[in-house]
Every structure is written in structure tokens, then in C-alpha cells.
C-alpha atoms as a PDB file:
ATOM      1  CA  MET A   1     -24.463  22.631-222.574  1.00  0.00           C
ATOM      2  CA  ARG A   2     -20.881  23.913-222.676  1.00  0.00           C
ATOM      3  CA  MET A   3     -19.199  23.071-225.983  1.00  0.00           C
ATOM      4  CA  LEU A   4     -15.552  23.149-227.044  1.00  0.00           C
ATOM      5  CA  ILE A   5     -14.788  23.169-230.793  1.00  0.00           C
ATOM      6  CA  VAL A   6     -11.479  21.685-231.940  1.00  0.00           C
ATOM      7  CA  ASP A   7     -10.679  21.864-235.666  1.00  0.00           C
ATOM      8  CA  ASP A   8      -7.615  23.116-237.521  1.00  0.00           C
ATOM      9  CA  GLU A   9      -9.770  24.583-240.331  1.00  0.00           C
ATOM     10  CA  PRO A  10     -11.132  28.094-239.566  1.00  0.00           C
ATOM     11  CA  LEU A  11     -14.033  27.636-242.015  1.00  0.00           C
ATOM     12  CA  ALA A  12     -15.071  24.422-240.274  1.00  0.00           C
ATOM     13  CA  ARG A  13     -15.134  26.179-236.889  1.00  0.00           C
ATOM     14  CA  GLU A  14     -17.122  29.045-238.403  1.00  0.00           C
ATOM     15  CA  LYS A  15     -19.708  26.643-239.816  1.00  0.00           C
ATOM     16  CA  ILE A  16     -20.222  25.031-236.414  1.00  0.00           C
ATOM     17  CA  ARG A  17     -20.572  28.466-234.783  1.00  0.00           C
ATOM     18  CA  ASP A  18     -23.266  29.381-237.288  1.00  0.00           C
ATOM     19  CA  LEU A  19     -25.159  26.160-236.562  1.00  0.00           C
ATOM     20  CA  VAL A  20     -24.942  26.624-232.791  1.00  0.00           C
ATOM     21  CA  ILE A  21     -25.797  30.307-232.513  1.00  0.00           C
ATOM     22  CA  CYS A  22     -29.576  29.790-232.684  1.00  0.00           C
ATOM     23  CA  ASP A  23     -29.661  27.172-229.922  1.00  0.00           C
ATOM     24  CA  PRO A  24     -30.160  28.802-226.479  1.00  0.00           C
ATOM     25  CA  GLU A  25     -29.135  25.569-224.733  1.00  0.00           C
ATOM     26  CA  LEU A  26     -25.625  25.621-226.225  1.00  0.00           C
ATOM     27  CA  GLU A  27     -22.677  27.761-225.155  1.00  0.00           C
ATOM     28  CA  ILE A  28     -19.354  27.724-227.018  1.00  0.00           C
ATOM     29  CA  VAL A  29     -16.706  28.030-224.294  1.00  0.00           C
ATOM     30  CA  GLY A  30     -13.718  27.878-226.622  1.00  0.00           C
ATOM     31  CA  GLU A  31     -12.270  27.169-230.054  1.00  0.00           C
ATOM     32  CA  CYS A  32      -8.984  25.392-230.666  1.00  0.00           C
ATOM     33  CA  ALA A  33      -6.960  24.962-233.848  1.00  0.00           C
ATOM     34  CA  ASN A  34      -4.849  22.024-232.681  1.00  0.00           C
ATOM     35  CA  GLY A  35      -4.595  19.261-230.098  1.00  0.00           C
ATOM     36  CA  ALA A  36      -2.217  21.090-227.754  1.00  0.00           C
ATOM     37  CA  GLU A  37      -4.629  24.021-227.473  1.00  0.00           C
ATOM     38  CA  ALA A  38      -7.450  21.553-226.881  1.00  0.00           C
ATOM     39  CA  LEU A  39      -5.708  19.921-223.921  1.00  0.00           C
ATOM     40  CA  ALA A  40      -5.135  23.280-222.257  1.00  0.00           C
ATOM     41  CA  ALA A  41      -8.729  24.397-222.917  1.00  0.00           C
ATOM     42  CA  MET A  42     -10.120  21.134-221.553  1.00  0.00           C
ATOM     43  CA  GLN A  43      -8.397  21.718-218.234  1.00  0.00           C
ATOM     44  CA  GLU A  44      -9.548  25.327-218.000  1.00  0.00           C
ATOM     45  CA  GLN A  45     -13.089  25.142-219.367  1.00  0.00           C
ATOM     46  CA  ARG A  46     -14.294  21.631-218.433  1.00  0.00           C
ATOM     47  CA  PRO A  47     -16.793  21.452-221.337  1.00  0.00           C
ATOM     48  CA  ASP A  48     -19.780  19.110-221.430  1.00  0.00           C
ATOM     49  CA  LEU A  49     -19.341  18.389-225.130  1.00  0.00           C
ATOM     50  CA  LEU A  50     -16.237  18.178-227.307  1.00  0.00           C
ATOM     51  CA  LEU A  51     -16.553  18.555-231.090  1.00  0.00           C
ATOM     52  CA  LEU A  52     -13.235  17.093-232.147  1.00  0.00           C
ATOM     53  CA  ASP A  53     -11.554  16.909-235.540  1.00  0.00           C
ATOM     54  CA  VAL A  54      -9.746  13.608-236.093  1.00  0.00           C
ATOM     55  CA  GLN A  55      -6.899  14.698-238.347  1.00  0.00           C
ATOM     56  CA  MET A  56      -4.886  17.719-237.211  1.00  0.00           C
ATOM     57  CA  PRO A  57      -1.174  18.581-237.516  1.00  0.00           C
ATOM     58  CA  GLU A  58       1.119  17.127-234.819  1.00  0.00           C
ATOM     59  CA  VAL A  59      -1.575  16.183-232.271  1.00  0.00           C
ATOM     60  CA  GLY A  60      -4.717  14.614-233.745  1.00  0.00           C
ATOM     61  CA  GLY A  61      -8.067  13.946-232.142  1.00  0.00           C
ATOM     62  CA  PHE A  62      -7.258  10.424-230.981  1.00  0.00           C
ATOM     63  CA  ALA A  63      -4.004  11.623-229.366  1.00  0.00           C
ATOM     64  CA  VAL A  64      -5.964  14.274-227.449  1.00  0.00           C
ATOM     65  CA  LEU A  65      -8.249  11.650-225.923  1.00  0.00           C
ATOM     66  CA  GLU A  66      -5.331   9.336-225.129  1.00  0.00           C
ATOM     67  CA  ALA A  67      -3.714  12.156-223.172  1.00  0.00           C
ATOM     68  CA  LEU A  68      -6.814  12.819-221.082  1.00  0.00           C
ATOM     69  CA  LYS A  69      -7.771  10.738-218.092  1.00  0.00           C
ATOM     70  CA  SER A  70     -10.951   8.783-218.681  1.00  0.00           C
ATOM     71  CA  GLU A  71     -12.790  10.318-215.735  1.00  0.00           C
ATOM     72  CA  SER A  72     -12.381  13.836-217.158  1.00  0.00           C
ATOM     73  CA  LEU A  73     -13.732  13.094-220.633  1.00  0.00           C
ATOM     74  CA  PRO A  74     -16.822  14.995-221.782  1.00  0.00           C
ATOM     75  CA  LEU A  75     -19.196  13.721-224.431  1.00  0.00           C
ATOM     76  CA  VAL A  76     -17.286  13.490-227.715  1.00  0.00           C
ATOM     77  CA  ILE A  77     -18.543  14.013-231.257  1.00  0.00           C
ATOM     78  CA  PHE A  78     -15.861  13.446-233.886  1.00  0.00           C
ATOM     79  CA  VAL A  79     -15.923  15.750-236.904  1.00  0.00           C
ATOM     80  CA  THR A  80     -13.874  14.675-239.921  1.00  0.00           C
ATOM     81  CA  ALA A  81     -13.727  14.468-243.691  1.00  0.00           C
ATOM     82  CA  TYR A  82     -12.454  10.879-243.554  1.00  0.00           C
ATOM     83  CA  ASP A  83     -14.812   7.953-242.995  1.00  0.00           C
ATOM     84  CA  GLN A  84     -11.998   5.429-242.405  1.00  0.00           C
ATOM     85  CA  TYR A  85     -11.611   6.625-238.801  1.00  0.00           C
ATOM     86  CA  ALA A  86     -15.172   5.739-237.807  1.00  0.00           C
ATOM     87  CA  VAL A  87     -14.399   2.350-236.259  1.00  0.00           C
ATOM     88  CA  ARG A  88     -11.587   3.711-234.122  1.00  0.00           C
ATOM     89  CA  ALA A  89     -13.724   6.690-233.102  1.00  0.00           C
ATOM     90  CA  PHE A  90     -16.326   4.407-231.562  1.00  0.00           C
ATOM     91  CA  GLU A  91     -13.573   2.415-229.860  1.00  0.00           C
ATOM     92  CA  PHE A  92     -13.042   5.673-227.949  1.00  0.00           C
ATOM     93  CA  HIS A  93     -16.770   5.552-227.078  1.00  0.00           C
ATOM     94  CA  ALA A  94     -17.574   8.542-229.273  1.00  0.00           C
ATOM     95  CA  LEU A  95     -21.149   9.738-229.027  1.00  0.00           C
ATOM     96  CA  ASP A  96     -21.391  10.455-232.770  1.00  0.00           C
ATOM     97  CA  TYR A  97     -19.334  10.799-235.934  1.00  0.00           C
ATOM     98  CA  LEU A  98     -20.026  13.736-238.269  1.00  0.00           C
ATOM     99  CA  LEU A  99     -18.641  13.273-241.751  1.00  0.00           C
ATOM    100  CA  LYS A 100     -17.832  16.521-243.567  1.00  0.00           C
ATOM    101  CA  PRO A 101     -19.641  18.088-245.321  1.00  0.00           C
ATOM    102  CA  PHE A 102     -22.677  17.667-243.061  1.00  0.00           C
ATOM    103  CA  ASP A 103     -25.905  19.687-243.135  1.00  0.00           C
ATOM    104  CA  ARG A 104     -27.882  21.379-240.378  1.00  0.00           C
ATOM    105  CA  GLU A 105     -30.249  18.435-239.968  1.00  0.00           C
ATOM    106  CA  ARG A 106     -27.410  15.952-239.382  1.00  0.00           C
ATOM    107  CA  PHE A 107     -25.654  18.346-236.979  1.00  0.00           C
ATOM    108  CA  GLU A 108     -28.796  18.989-234.956  1.00  0.00           C
ATOM    109  CA  ALA A 109     -29.453  15.256-234.689  1.00  0.00           C
ATOM    110  CA  ALA A 110     -26.002  14.779-233.142  1.00  0.00           C
ATOM    111  CA  ILE A 111     -26.557  17.677-230.729  1.00  0.00           C
ATOM    112  CA  GLN A 112     -29.948  16.322-229.647  1.00  0.00           C
ATOM    113  CA  HIS A 113     -28.269  12.980-228.967  1.00  0.00           C
ATOM    114  CA  ALA A 114     -25.702  14.775-226.794  1.00  0.00           C
ATOM    115  CA  LYS A 115     -28.392  16.623-224.855  1.00  0.00           C
ATOM    116  CA  ALA A 116     -30.243  13.382-224.204  1.00  0.00           C
ATOM    117  CA  GLN A 117     -27.064  11.788-222.848  1.00  0.00           C
ATOM    118  CA  LEU A 118     -26.162  14.774-220.692  1.00  0.00           C
ATOM    119  CA  ARG A 119     -29.478  15.057-218.831  1.00  0.00           C
ATOM    120  CA  PRO A 120     -29.103  11.830-216.791  1.00  0.00           C
ATOM    121  CA  ARG A 121     -25.488  12.755-216.014  1.00  0.00           C
ATOM    122  CA  ARG A 122     -26.624  16.067-214.530  1.00  0.00           C
ATOM    123  CA  SER A 123     -29.406  14.426-212.550  1.00  0.00           C
ATOM    124  CA  GLY A 124     -26.810  12.155-210.943  1.00  0.00           C
ATOM    125  CA  HIS A 125     -27.981   8.923-212.575  1.00  0.00           C
ATOM    126  CA  LEU A 126     -25.807   6.861-214.885  1.00  0.00           C
ATOM    127  CA  ASP A 127     -27.435   4.431-217.258  1.00  0.00           C
ATOM    128  CA  GLU A 128     -26.357   0.793-217.478  1.00  0.00           C
ATOM    129  CA  ARG A 129     -24.260   1.396-220.599  1.00  0.00           C
ATOM    130  CA  ILE A 130     -22.143   4.047-218.902  1.00  0.00           C
ATOM    131  CA  LEU A 131     -21.745   1.957-215.754  1.00  0.00           C
ATOM    132  CA  ALA A 132     -20.558  -0.956-217.887  1.00  0.00           C
ATOM    133  CA  LEU A 133     -18.061   1.343-219.590  1.00  0.00           C
ATOM    134  CA  LEU A 134     -16.701   2.538-216.241  1.00  0.00           C
ATOM    135  CA  GLU A 135     -16.213  -1.041-215.090  1.00  0.00           C
ATOM    136  CA  GLN A 136     -14.430  -1.822-218.353  1.00  0.00           C
ATOM    137  CA  LEU A 137     -12.110   1.150-217.920  1.00  0.00           C
ATOM    138  CA  LYS A 138     -11.262   0.027-214.400  1.00  0.00           C
ATOM    139  CA  ALA A 139     -10.506  -3.490-215.603  1.00  0.00           C
ATOM    140  CA  GLU A 140      -8.211  -2.347-218.412  1.00  0.00           C
ATOM    141  CA  THR A 141      -4.887  -1.283-216.958  1.00  0.00           C
ATOM    142  CA  LYS A 142      -3.217   0.964-219.502  1.00  0.00           C
ATOM    143  CA  TYR A 143       0.016   2.701-218.691  1.00  0.00           C
ATOM    144  CA  VAL A 144       0.721   6.107-220.175  1.00  0.00           C
ATOM    145  CA  GLU A 145       3.340   6.464-222.896  1.00  0.00           C
ATOM    146  CA  ARG A 146       3.165  10.253-223.043  1.00  0.00           C
ATOM    147  CA  LEU A 147       2.762  13.004-220.469  1.00  0.00           C
ATOM    148  CA  VAL A 148       1.290  16.443-221.108  1.00  0.00           C
ATOM    149  CA  VAL A 149       3.675  19.111-219.780  1.00  0.00           C
ATOM    150  CA  LYS A 150       3.825  22.900-219.918  1.00  0.00           C
ATOM    151  CA  SER A 151       7.063  24.774-220.524  1.00  0.00           C
ATOM    152  CA  GLY A 152       7.712  28.326-221.655  1.00  0.00           C
ATOM    153  CA  GLY A 153       4.049  28.966-222.320  1.00  0.00           C
ATOM    154  CA  ARG A 154       3.747  25.854-224.490  1.00  0.00           C
ATOM    155  CA  VAL A 155       1.772  22.660-223.905  1.00  0.00           C
ATOM    156  CA  PHE A 156       3.290  19.548-225.463  1.00  0.00           C
ATOM    157  CA  PHE A 157       3.750  15.802-225.136  1.00  0.00           C
ATOM    158  CA  LEU A 158       6.741  14.250-223.387  1.00  0.00           C
ATOM    159  CA  GLU A 159       7.354  10.616-224.299  1.00  0.00           C
ATOM    160  CA  THR A 160       7.959   8.476-221.203  1.00  0.00           C
ATOM    161  CA  LYS A 161      10.850   6.787-223.020  1.00  0.00           C
ATOM    162  CA  GLU A 162      12.685  10.147-222.836  1.00  0.00           C
ATOM    163  CA  ILE A 163      12.595  10.215-219.016  1.00  0.00           C
ATOM    164  CA  ASP A 164      15.698   9.398-216.953  1.00  0.00           C
ATOM    165  CA  TRP A 165      14.185   9.762-213.498  1.00  0.00           C
ATOM    166  CA  ILE A 166      11.457  11.549-211.560  1.00  0.00           C
ATOM    167  CA  GLU A 167      11.932  13.507-208.346  1.00  0.00           C
ATOM    168  CA  ALA A 168       9.219  14.376-205.815  1.00  0.00           C
ATOM    169  CA  GLU A 169       8.822  18.012-204.788  1.00  0.00           C
ATOM    170  CA  GLY A 170       5.738  18.167-202.564  1.00  0.00           C
ATOM    171  CA  ASN A 171       2.614  18.139-204.738  1.00  0.00           C
ATOM    172  CA  TYR A 172       4.820  18.451-207.812  1.00  0.00           C
ATOM    173  CA  VAL A 173       7.285  16.187-209.563  1.00  0.00           C
ATOM    174  CA  ASN A 174      10.436  17.205-211.389  1.00  0.00           C
ATOM    175  CA  ILE A 175      10.784  15.057-214.520  1.00  0.00           C
ATOM    176  CA  HIS A 176      14.408  14.756-215.581  1.00  0.00           C
ATOM    177  CA  THR A 177      15.384  13.998-219.198  1.00  0.00           C
ATOM    178  CA  PRO A 178      18.907  14.012-220.682  1.00  0.00           C
ATOM    179  CA  LYS A 179      18.384  17.549-222.025  1.00  0.00           C
ATOM    180  CA  LYS A 180      15.966  19.282-219.668  1.00  0.00           C
ATOM    181  CA  SER A 181      13.792  18.995-216.577  1.00  0.00           C
ATOM    182  CA  PHE A 182      10.053  19.700-216.413  1.00  0.00           C
ATOM    183  CA  LEU A 183       7.904  20.520-213.389  1.00  0.00           C
ATOM    184  CA  LEU A 184       4.500  18.820-213.347  1.00  0.00           C
ATOM    185  CA  ARG A 185       1.709  19.323-210.801  1.00  0.00           C
ATOM    186  CA  GLU A 186       1.297  15.701-209.717  1.00  0.00           C
ATOM    187  CA  THR A 187       2.278  13.589-206.721  1.00  0.00           C
ATOM    188  CA  ILE A 188       4.998  11.048-207.313  1.00  0.00           C
ATOM    189  CA  SER A 189       2.775   8.181-206.095  1.00  0.00           C
ATOM    190  CA  ASN A 190      -0.007   9.049-208.517  1.00  0.00           C
ATOM    191  CA  LEU A 191       2.404   9.414-211.438  1.00  0.00           C
ATOM    192  CA  GLU A 192       4.127   6.151-210.527  1.00  0.00           C
ATOM    193  CA  SER A 193       0.770   4.331-210.734  1.00  0.00           C
ATOM    194  CA  GLN A 194       0.379   5.539-214.345  1.00  0.00           C
ATOM    195  CA  LEU A 195       3.809   4.287-215.479  1.00  0.00           C
ATOM    196  CA  ASP A 196       4.629   0.776-216.657  1.00  0.00           C
ATOM    197  CA  PRO A 197       6.201  -1.009-213.639  1.00  0.00           C
ATOM    198  CA  LYS A 198       8.362  -3.036-216.028  1.00  0.00           C
ATOM    199  CA  GLN A 199      10.031   0.186-217.160  1.00  0.00           C
ATOM    200  CA  PHE A 200       9.930   2.436-214.089  1.00  0.00           C
ATOM    201  CA  VAL A 201      10.738   1.548-210.505  1.00  0.00           C
ATOM    202  CA  ARG A 202      10.430   3.436-207.211  1.00  0.00           C
ATOM    203  CA  ILE A 203      13.818   3.406-205.507  1.00  0.00           C
ATOM    204  CA  HIS A 204      13.182   6.000-202.815  1.00  0.00           C
ATOM    205  CA  ARG A 205      10.160   7.785-201.351  1.00  0.00           C
ATOM    206  CA  SER A 206      11.150  10.789-203.477  1.00  0.00           C
ATOM    207  CA  ALA A 207      12.551   9.099-206.612  1.00  0.00           C
ATOM    208  CA  VAL A 208      11.351   6.923-209.502  1.00  0.00           C
ATOM    209  CA  VAL A 209      13.871   5.829-212.126  1.00  0.00           C
ATOM    210  CA  ARG A 210      13.610   4.348-215.601  1.00  0.00           C
ATOM    211  CA  VAL A 211      15.244   0.923-215.325  1.00  0.00           C
ATOM    212  CA  ASP A 212      17.150   0.982-218.615  1.00  0.00           C
ATOM    213  CA  ARG A 213      18.813   4.271-217.561  1.00  0.00           C
ATOM    214  CA  ILE A 214      20.595   2.542-214.664  1.00  0.00           C
ATOM    215  CA  ARG A 215      24.277   2.002-215.447  1.00  0.00           C
ATOM    216  CA  GLU A 216      25.591   0.738-212.128  1.00  0.00           C
ATOM    217  CA  LEU A 217      24.647  -0.164-208.560  1.00  0.00           C
ATOM    218  CA  GLN A 218      27.144   0.357-205.746  1.00  0.00           C
ATOM    219  CA  ASN A 219      26.777  -1.157-202.277  1.00  0.00           C
ATOM    220  CA  TRP A 220      26.736   1.781-199.927  1.00  0.00           C
ATOM    221  CA  SER A 221      25.811   1.299-196.255  1.00  0.00           C
ATOM    222  CA  HIS A 222      23.067  -0.013-193.988  1.00  0.00           C
ATOM    223  CA  GLY A 223      21.489  -1.973-196.829  1.00  0.00           C
ATOM    224  CA  GLU A 224      21.291   0.999-199.169  1.00  0.00           C
ATOM    225  CA  TYR A 225      22.822   1.310-202.639  1.00  0.00           C
ATOM    226  CA  ARG A 226      23.999   4.099-204.883  1.00  0.00           C
ATOM    227  CA  VAL A 227      22.176   4.053-208.222  1.00  0.00           C
ATOM    228  CA  ILE A 228      24.277   5.577-210.999  1.00  0.00           C
ATOM    229  CA  LEU A 229      22.527   6.500-214.243  1.00  0.00           C
ATOM    230  CA  HIS A 230      24.074   6.579-217.713  1.00  0.00           C
ATOM    231  CA  GLY A 231      24.252  10.374-217.587  1.00  0.00           C
ATOM    232  CA  GLY A 232      26.229  10.271-214.324  1.00  0.00           C
ATOM    233  CA  THR A 233      23.392  11.167-211.948  1.00  0.00           C
ATOM    234  CA  GLU A 234      23.734   9.430-208.563  1.00  0.00           C
ATOM    235  CA  LEU A 235      20.613   8.445-206.630  1.00  0.00           C
ATOM    236  CA  THR A 236      19.933   6.400-203.493  1.00  0.00           C
ATOM    237  CA  LEU A 237      18.192   3.032-203.412  1.00  0.00           C
ATOM    238  CA  SER A 238      16.757   2.917-199.898  1.00  0.00           C
ATOM    239  CA  ARG A 239      16.184  -0.319-197.996  1.00  0.00           C
ATOM    240  CA  ASN A 240      12.401   0.144-198.034  1.00  0.00           C
ATOM    241  CA  TYR A 241      12.325   0.071-201.841  1.00  0.00           C
ATOM    242  CA  ARG A 242      15.100  -2.460-202.504  1.00  0.00           C
ATOM    243  CA  ASP A 243      12.648  -5.285-203.244  1.00  0.00           C
ATOM    244  CA  ASN A 244      11.138  -3.235-206.087  1.00  0.00           C
ATOM    245  CA  LEU A 245      14.379  -3.165-208.045  1.00  0.00           C
ATOM    246  CA  GLN A 246      15.383  -6.652-206.984  1.00  0.00           C
ATOM    247  CA  GLY A 247      12.178  -8.056-208.492  1.00  0.00           C
ATOM    248  CA  LEU A 248      12.944  -6.445-211.836  1.00  0.00           C
ATOM    249  CA  LEU A 249      16.595  -7.487-211.894  1.00  0.00           C
ATOM    250  CA  GLY A 250      15.774 -11.085-210.970  1.00  0.00           C
ATOM    251  CA  ASN A 251      18.598 -11.419-208.461  1.00  0.00           C
ATOM    252  CA  HIS A 252      19.377 -10.632-204.850  1.00  0.00           C
ATOM    253  CA  LEU A 253      20.984  -7.326-203.952  1.00  0.00           C
END
């Protein structure tokens, strides 16, 4: 079982290493001191089990899970010194909740629970509880409020409210903000499906714009419009996507 340890306290990570070292069925594939490191490690290592501290500087444990897509989540055991987060932890369908300081017996009980859950996953069979959870996740449409982007060797969150518009570049998108642009490996259609349609609208096959950034619409030609943003950027509203914007504006273009 491949395990990723995420805790901002070096002594806490060392304690977990000491508890794991005697178990031949466990492999530590990485250690992270903060949420940003955890997100990068999750993409690279694809662990089976995530031991995740709740309270960390800047990006806490809950923020890490919110940033990950549900289908890529491993088993999660929260590790924290604060019992007030327990209810929210299980709202994230945590497998277990280790309250610091915990002893070897409590830790091993949590690990055995994880192993028991992982076996049917590897055999290709999902139990009824997991199937019910998957159906629930499909039914709950939640739009992202933050995107995970890489820039200059850093991994950080970009709030969707900071975005002016998004431009398609093949299998990538160029996310434009008032100060800077960020390249993200994602198709524009897939990213559009994750954004709140009340806030973002597709105006062209290669452009999505945040509605409240639109300053002016100018009738152009052949049923198309110029879309002028507050920062002065000019985009094209094509005929094929005119109904999208018209529905949000509540009038006829």
C-alpha cells in the first residue's frame, strides 16, 4: 500500500515513519510539509493512502481535498491535534481520524482498516457503500472556486473570481487575469464544465469569459459581436455561442 504523509510538523512525520517501517505491506512514497507540496505529490505518486494533517499554513487538509477531483482521491486518514474537525473530516468521507498524540495500537488499527478497504478496490469490486458515494458525487454538482496552477516552479491556488477570460490552446488553456496569464493542461470544454455557468460563459469555440468582466458589446457583422472587457481586451462573440450570453443577460442581442 503506497502511502503519502502530509504534515507540517517534522516530528509528526518522523513518528509516522517509525510506525510504518516495520510493516512490509506499506511503502512511503513521499512526505509533504504543506498542502501545495501535497497536491504536486498526489499527481506524481498516485498513492493508495493519504495521511493528511488538517491544520497547515496557507493550504490546510480540507483545501487539499477540495482541490482534487473526486475520482482521483485515495483513502484518507486525517491526522490532527484538534478534535473539533472530526465532523467535517467525515463529511469528506475520511476513512479514519487520528487525534494526536496517538499510540501504535491506534495507528495500526487505522492502517488495518485502510488495508481492508483497499483489497476490494484492487480486486475490481466496489462495495455498496462506495457505489452509493459515487452516485451521490454524481448527483451533487459543485463548481470549482479555485484552480491549481503551476508557475515558476511553484504550485498554488488561483481563485476563479480573479479570472478575466480563458483561451483555448490545443490541449491547454491560457487563463488570463488582470496581472498575469497561466497555462494549464486542460481542454477548454472540460474546464468550462467545472465553472459556474452563472459566472462564466462560452462566447467562442476558443474563449470563455467571466460575465462581470464584460464592459461592452458592439454589433459587428454577420450576427457576431465584439466583446470588450474592463481591461480593454477585445474578444469575439460568435453566432454559434450567442444564445449562451443572451440567456445570462436576459435580453435579445
